Amino acid sequence: MAFNLKKVLKALLLSSNQPLAIKDVQAAFTRFHDATSSLPIVESEVEQQPVSPAAVVDGDAKPAEAAEAATAPTEVPVTAAEAAEVVTETPQDPELYGEVPSLVTATQIRETMDAIAEELRAADDGLLLIEGNAGYRIVTHPRFARWVRILRQEPPPVKLSQSSIETLAVVAYRQPVTRTEIETIRGVSAEAGVNKLLERDLIYVVGRADTPGRPIQYGTTEQFLEFVGAKSLDELPASDVLSSRQIDEWLKNSSNAHQPNDTDMGLSDEQLPLEGPATGEAPAEQITTAAATEAPPAESA
């Protein structure tokens, strides 16, 4: 029976709750062959010794002497404990341990993983095989998420707000990016969105920008890749709006932005006095002079 790579990969996938990378599988095959080549050899065949005439009485061999003669001690290169270990480690299932290939290529592993994923989808037993940034994992189908949360006593996941999603998109396409750049691109404050994304472990502090003030720069985490279902940032869909060239142009224009004046706002360019009479009223000096002229002369005593 030929070696069954699919069954071995299924067992490896189910043996750990960590993602299984292709290099991990290849390392396991290498260790298998290293361990097999270093196993001691046990002599299973015992050389038959002739029965001495003294051990035969009336044509029959004495049981004790005959058995002793037939099983004359021979030198064994290992101890009893080592022999038991060898028997335990000796492959008994040729489908799993027979004719194990010394080299399993990445293409063979990917093709086998794809076949396992197709079998799980066809079986519809609530299990899926997904490939993430760190490797392959067998997970439960999303439609069983409520049962899993009930078992773990976890609250339902909180959805991201539109503001947080926009902030996350800017970080994903622009990273590393500062909060000032995020606010310049979006045109609003990004403090709440950045704090929420840090709390959800979707972004993290990458470092500090080499600009005055050394502002903090942000980037996306591996949790973000699992959140969007991508293996790497290269799989993110292309965006003309969030391309690096477009963002650089926005930032440049915002730093050299023209300050709006009265003309831009539709106001007149005339210089108005800071303090003046209301429309249609005479100045205060004219009112005082007219009152003095029209007043009658005072009568003499």
Protein backbone atom coordinates (compact mmCIF):
# COMPACT_ATOMS: atom_id res chain seq x y z
CA MET A 1 0.00 0.00 0.00
CA ALA A 2 1.39 3.39 -1.01
CA PHE A 3 2.10 6.17 1.43
CA ASN A 4 -1.00 8.34 2.07
CA LEU A 5 0.04 11.96 2.43
CA LYS A 6 -3.53 13.16 2.86
CA LYS A 7 -4.15 11.11 6.03
CA VAL A 8 -0.87 12.24 7.54
CA LEU A 9 -1.65 15.91 6.89
CA LYS A 10 -5.12 15.52 8.41
CA ALA A 11 -3.59 14.07 11.56
CA LEU A 12 -1.04 16.89 11.76
CA LEU A 13 -3.75 19.51 11.30
CA LEU A 14 -5.86 18.05 14.10
CA SER A 15 -2.92 17.55 16.46
CA SER A 16 -2.36 21.25 17.14
CA ASN A 17 -4.40 24.39 17.59
CA GLN A 18 -1.68 26.42 15.91
CA PRO A 19 -1.53 27.07 12.15
CA LEU A 20 0.40 24.42 10.22
CA ALA A 21 2.86 25.97 7.78
CA ILE A 22 4.38 24.18 4.81
CA LYS A 23 7.84 24.45 6.32
CA ASP A 24 6.56 22.74 9.48
CA VAL A 25 5.35 19.76 7.44
CA GLN A 26 8.65 19.49 5.59
CA ALA A 27 10.55 19.68 8.89
CA ALA A 28 8.43 16.82 10.27
CA PHE A 29 9.34 14.60 7.30
CA THR A 30 13.02 15.45 7.76
CA ARG A 31 12.89 14.50 11.46
CA PHE A 32 11.09 11.27 10.57
CA HIS A 33 13.89 10.14 8.27
CA ASP A 34 16.58 11.27 10.74
CA ALA A 35 14.96 9.22 13.50
CA THR A 36 14.47 6.20 11.24
CA SER A 37 18.09 6.16 10.11
CA SER A 38 19.35 6.30 13.70
CA LEU A 39 17.27 3.37 15.00
CA PRO A 40 19.32 0.32 16.21
CA ILE A 41 19.06 -2.96 14.35
CA VAL A 42 17.59 -5.95 16.20
CA GLU A 43 18.47 -9.46 15.01
CA SER A 44 15.11 -11.18 14.87
CA GLU A 45 16.33 -14.42 13.37
CA VAL A 46 18.00 -16.81 15.80
CA GLU A 47 20.57 -19.17 14.41
CA GLN A 48 19.44 -22.75 14.81
CA GLN A 49 21.86 -24.89 16.76
CA PRO A 50 22.05 -28.65 16.20
CA VAL A 51 20.68 -30.81 18.99
CA SER A 52 23.36 -32.80 20.71
CA PRO A 53 22.95 -36.59 20.82
CA ALA A 54 23.04 -36.50 24.60
CA ALA A 55 19.87 -34.48 24.58
CA VAL A 56 17.99 -37.21 22.69
CA VAL A 57 16.48 -40.13 24.63
CA ASP A 58 14.68 -42.89 22.72
CA GLY A 59 14.46 -40.66 19.67
CA ASP A 60 12.89 -37.76 21.58
CA ALA A 61 14.74 -34.67 22.68
CA LYS A 62 14.58 -33.74 26.33
CA PRO A 63 12.42 -30.63 26.46
CA ALA A 64 14.74 -28.49 28.58
CA GLU A 65 17.96 -29.47 26.89
CA ALA A 66 16.45 -29.34 23.42
CA ALA A 67 15.04 -25.86 23.97
CA GLU A 68 18.35 -24.68 25.38
CA ALA A 69 20.24 -26.08 22.47
CA ALA A 70 17.83 -24.69 19.93
CA THR A 71 17.96 -21.24 21.43
CA ALA A 72 21.64 -20.92 22.07
CA PRO A 73 22.45 -17.34 23.13
CA THR A 74 23.69 -15.01 20.41
CA GLU A 75 25.03 -11.52 20.74
CA VAL A 76 22.33 -8.82 20.45
CA PRO A 77 23.60 -5.25 19.77
CA VAL A 78 20.88 -3.61 21.92
CA THR A 79 19.49 -4.00 25.40
CA ALA A 80 16.00 -5.26 26.19
CA ALA A 81 14.72 -1.72 26.73
CA GLU A 82 16.14 -0.58 23.42
CA ALA A 83 14.66 -3.60 21.70
CA ALA A 84 11.23 -2.81 23.13
CA GLU A 85 11.58 0.78 21.96
CA VAL A 86 12.52 -0.35 18.49
CA VAL A 87 9.49 -2.64 18.32
CA THR A 88 7.27 0.25 19.41
CA GLU A 89 8.76 2.64 16.83
CA THR A 90 8.75 0.06 14.05
CA PRO A 91 6.19 1.11 11.42
CA GLN A 92 3.21 -1.20 11.45
CA ASP A 93 0.98 0.66 8.96
CA PRO A 94 2.51 0.89 5.49
CA GLU A 95 -0.09 3.49 4.50
CA LEU A 96 1.34 5.87 7.10
CA TYR A 97 4.93 4.76 7.60
CA GLY A 98 5.84 2.71 4.54
CA GLU A 99 7.84 4.23 1.71
CA VAL A 100 7.74 7.70 3.23
CA PRO A 101 9.17 10.13 0.65
CA SER A 102 12.36 11.82 1.71
CA LEU A 103 11.28 15.08 0.11
CA VAL A 104 7.77 16.51 0.01
CA THR A 105 7.56 19.64 -2.12
CA ALA A 106 5.50 22.69 -1.31
CA THR A 107 3.39 22.06 -4.41
CA GLN A 108 2.49 18.56 -3.22
CA ILE A 109 1.50 19.89 0.19
CA ARG A 110 -0.65 22.68 -1.29
CA GLU A 111 -2.40 20.30 -3.68
CA THR A 112 -3.12 17.86 -0.86
CA MET A 113 -4.36 20.65 1.38
CA ASP A 114 -6.70 21.81 -1.40
CA ALA A 115 -8.04 18.25 -1.70
CA ILE A 116 -8.65 18.11 2.07
CA ALA A 117 -10.42 21.47 1.96
CA GLU A 118 -12.66 20.27 -0.85
CA GLU A 119 -13.52 17.08 1.05
CA LEU A 120 -14.48 19.06 4.16
CA ARG A 121 -16.69 21.40 2.15
CA ALA A 122 -18.38 18.47 0.41
CA ALA A 123 -18.95 16.62 3.69
CA ASP A 124 -20.68 19.69 5.18
CA ASP A 125 -19.88 18.59 8.73
CA GLY A 126 -19.24 22.10 10.02
CA LEU A 127 -15.47 22.07 9.47
CA LEU A 128 -13.41 24.08 7.03
CA LEU A 129 -9.74 24.18 6.10
CA ILE A 130 -8.46 27.71 5.64
CA GLU A 131 -5.05 29.09 4.78
CA GLY A 132 -3.99 32.15 6.72
CA ASN A 133 -0.89 34.23 7.04
CA ALA A 134 0.79 31.68 9.37
CA GLY A 135 -0.37 28.47 7.67
CA TYR A 136 -3.30 26.05 7.40
CA ARG A 137 -5.94 25.49 10.09
CA ILE A 138 -9.09 23.45 10.47
CA VAL A 139 -11.83 25.72 11.84
CA THR A 140 -15.55 25.52 12.50
CA HIS A 141 -17.95 26.93 9.95
CA PRO A 142 -19.11 30.51 10.67
CA ARG A 143 -22.70 29.35 10.99
CA PHE A 144 -21.73 27.53 14.21
CA ALA A 145 -20.25 30.69 15.72
CA ARG A 146 -23.15 31.17 18.13
CA TRP A 147 -22.72 27.68 19.60
CA VAL A 148 -19.01 28.24 20.01
CA ARG A 149 -19.60 31.53 21.84
CA ILE A 150 -22.15 29.83 24.11
CA LEU A 151 -19.64 27.11 24.96
CA ARG A 152 -16.89 29.63 25.69
CA GLN A 153 -19.31 32.04 27.39
CA GLU A 154 -18.17 34.87 25.14
CA PRO A 155 -20.26 37.91 24.20
CA PRO A 156 -21.18 38.53 20.57
CA PRO A 157 -18.49 40.42 18.64
CA VAL A 158 -18.92 44.16 18.44
CA LYS A 159 -19.05 45.50 14.90
CA LEU A 160 -16.73 48.29 13.86
CA SER A 161 -18.24 51.68 13.21
CA GLN A 162 -17.99 53.34 9.83
CA SER A 163 -15.42 55.75 11.25
CA SER A 164 -13.25 52.88 12.52
CA ILE A 165 -13.51 51.05 9.18
CA GLU A 166 -12.37 54.16 7.30
CA THR A 167 -9.46 54.63 9.72
CA LEU A 168 -8.50 50.97 9.36
CA ALA A 169 -8.53 51.27 5.56
CA VAL A 170 -6.21 54.28 5.67
CA VAL A 171 -3.79 52.45 7.97
CA ALA A 172 -3.86 49.29 5.83
CA TYR A 173 -3.05 51.06 2.57
CA ARG A 174 -0.81 53.81 3.92
CA GLN A 175 1.13 52.08 6.74
CA PRO A 176 3.17 53.12 8.52
CA VAL A 177 0.99 56.18 9.06
CA THR A 178 0.67 58.79 11.80
CA ARG A 179 -2.57 59.96 13.35
CA THR A 180 -2.09 63.42 11.84
CA GLU A 181 -1.92 61.90 8.37
CA ILE A 182 -5.06 59.88 9.06
CA GLU A 183 -6.91 63.00 10.18
CA THR A 184 -5.65 64.94 7.13
CA ILE A 185 -6.87 62.24 4.75
CA ARG A 186 -10.25 61.74 6.43
CA GLY A 187 -10.77 65.36 7.40
CA VAL A 188 -11.98 64.54 10.92
CA SER A 189 -10.45 63.51 14.23
CA ALA A 190 -9.16 59.92 14.29
CA GLU A 191 -8.46 59.55 18.01
CA ALA A 192 -11.54 57.44 18.79
CA GLY A 193 -11.05 55.21 15.76
CA VAL A 194 -7.37 54.61 16.47
CA ASN A 195 -8.06 53.74 20.10
CA LYS A 196 -10.79 51.29 19.12
CA LEU A 197 -8.56 49.57 16.56
CA LEU A 198 -5.73 49.29 19.08
CA GLU A 199 -8.17 47.75 21.56
CA ARG A 200 -9.31 45.18 18.98
CA ASP A 201 -5.67 44.33 18.13
CA LEU A 202 -6.19 45.24 14.48
CA ILE A 203 -3.39 47.84 14.45
CA TYR A 204 -0.28 48.34 16.56
CA VAL A 205 2.41 50.92 17.13
CA VAL A 206 5.12 50.42 14.50
CA GLY A 207 7.49 53.15 15.68
CA ARG A 208 7.95 56.88 15.35
CA ALA A 209 8.20 58.99 12.23
CA ASP A 210 11.44 60.81 11.48
CA THR A 211 9.72 64.20 11.50
CA PRO A 212 9.56 67.05 14.02
CA GLY A 213 7.91 65.84 17.19
CA ARG A 214 8.54 62.16 16.30
CA PRO A 215 4.84 61.24 16.03
CA ILE A 216 3.75 57.62 16.55
CA GLN A 217 3.23 55.50 13.44
CA TYR A 218 0.65 52.72 13.14
CA GLY A 219 0.45 49.52 11.09
CA THR A 220 -1.83 46.49 10.78
CA THR A 221 -1.40 43.23 12.72
CA GLU A 222 -1.76 39.56 11.74
CA GLN A 223 -5.16 39.69 13.41
CA PHE A 224 -6.14 42.22 10.74
CA LEU A 225 -5.27 39.71 7.99
CA GLU A 226 -7.51 37.11 9.63
CA PHE A 227 -10.20 39.76 10.05
CA VAL A 228 -10.29 40.50 6.31
CA GLY A 229 -9.51 36.93 5.23
CA ALA A 230 -6.20 37.66 3.50
CA LYS A 231 -2.86 35.85 3.68
CA SER A 232 -0.79 38.99 3.12
CA LEU A 233 -1.19 42.69 2.45
CA ASP A 234 -0.51 42.02 -1.23
CA GLU A 235 -3.94 40.37 -1.47
CA LEU A 236 -5.76 43.57 -0.53
CA PRO A 237 -7.81 44.85 -3.48
CA ALA A 238 -6.25 47.64 -5.49
CA SER A 239 -7.60 51.09 -4.68
CA ASP A 240 -7.08 54.21 -6.76
CA VAL A 241 -8.50 56.34 -3.96
CA LEU A 242 -6.15 54.97 -1.29
CA SER A 243 -3.06 54.51 -3.46
CA SER A 244 0.19 55.86 -2.10
CA ARG A 245 0.51 58.39 -4.93
CA GLN A 246 -3.01 59.71 -4.37
CA ILE A 247 -2.51 60.00 -0.61
CA ASP A 248 0.85 61.74 -1.06
CA GLU A 249 -0.85 64.25 -3.34
CA TRP A 250 -3.58 64.89 -0.77
CA LEU A 251 -1.06 65.42 2.00
CA LYS A 252 0.99 67.77 -0.16
CA ASN A 253 -2.04 69.80 -1.16
CA SER A 254 -3.29 70.00 2.41
CA SER A 255 0.03 71.36 3.66
CA ASN A 256 0.06 74.04 0.92
CA ALA A 257 -3.64 74.72 1.06
CA HIS A 258 -4.89 78.21 0.10
CA GLN A 259 -6.47 80.08 3.00
CA PRO A 260 -9.97 81.22 1.93
CA ASN A 261 -10.52 85.00 1.86
CA ASP A 262 -13.62 87.17 1.70
CA THR A 263 -13.85 86.84 -2.06
CA ASP A 264 -13.79 83.01 -1.83
CA MET A 265 -16.61 83.21 0.69
CA GLY A 266 -18.68 85.59 -1.52
CA LEU A 267 -18.11 88.70 0.61
CA SER A 268 -17.19 92.22 -0.53
CA ASP A 269 -13.57 93.38 -0.45
CA GLU A 270 -14.54 96.89 0.86
CA GLN A 271 -12.95 97.92 4.11
CA LEU A 272 -15.71 98.71 6.55
CA PRO A 273 -15.10 100.88 9.64
CA LEU A 274 -14.91 99.07 12.92
CA GLU A 275 -17.50 101.44 14.51
CA GLY A 276 -20.03 103.47 12.57
CA PRO A 277 -23.64 104.65 12.56
CA ALA A 278 -26.46 102.44 11.54
CA THR A 279 -27.70 102.65 7.99
CA GLY A 280 -30.00 105.72 7.39
CA GLU A 281 -28.99 107.59 10.55
CA ALA A 282 -26.94 110.79 10.69
CA PRO A 283 -23.67 110.94 12.56
CA ALA A 284 -23.75 112.00 16.19
CA GLU A 285 -21.94 115.33 15.52
CA GLN A 286 -24.55 116.39 12.95
CA ILE A 287 -27.38 115.58 15.37
CA THR A 288 -25.79 117.73 18.14
CA THR A 289 -25.29 120.79 15.85
CA ALA A 290 -28.85 120.67 14.53
CA ALA A 291 -30.27 120.53 18.04
CA ALA A 292 -28.30 123.61 19.15
CA THR A 293 -29.44 125.66 16.14
CA GLU A 294 -33.15 124.89 16.49
CA ALA A 295 -33.32 125.54 20.28
CA PRO A 296 -35.14 128.88 21.21
CA PRO A 297 -33.18 131.62 23.07
CA ALA A 298 -33.55 131.72 26.82
CA GLU A 299 -35.79 134.51 28.29
CA SER A 300 -34.13 137.26 30.36
CA ALA A 301 -35.32 137.90 33.86
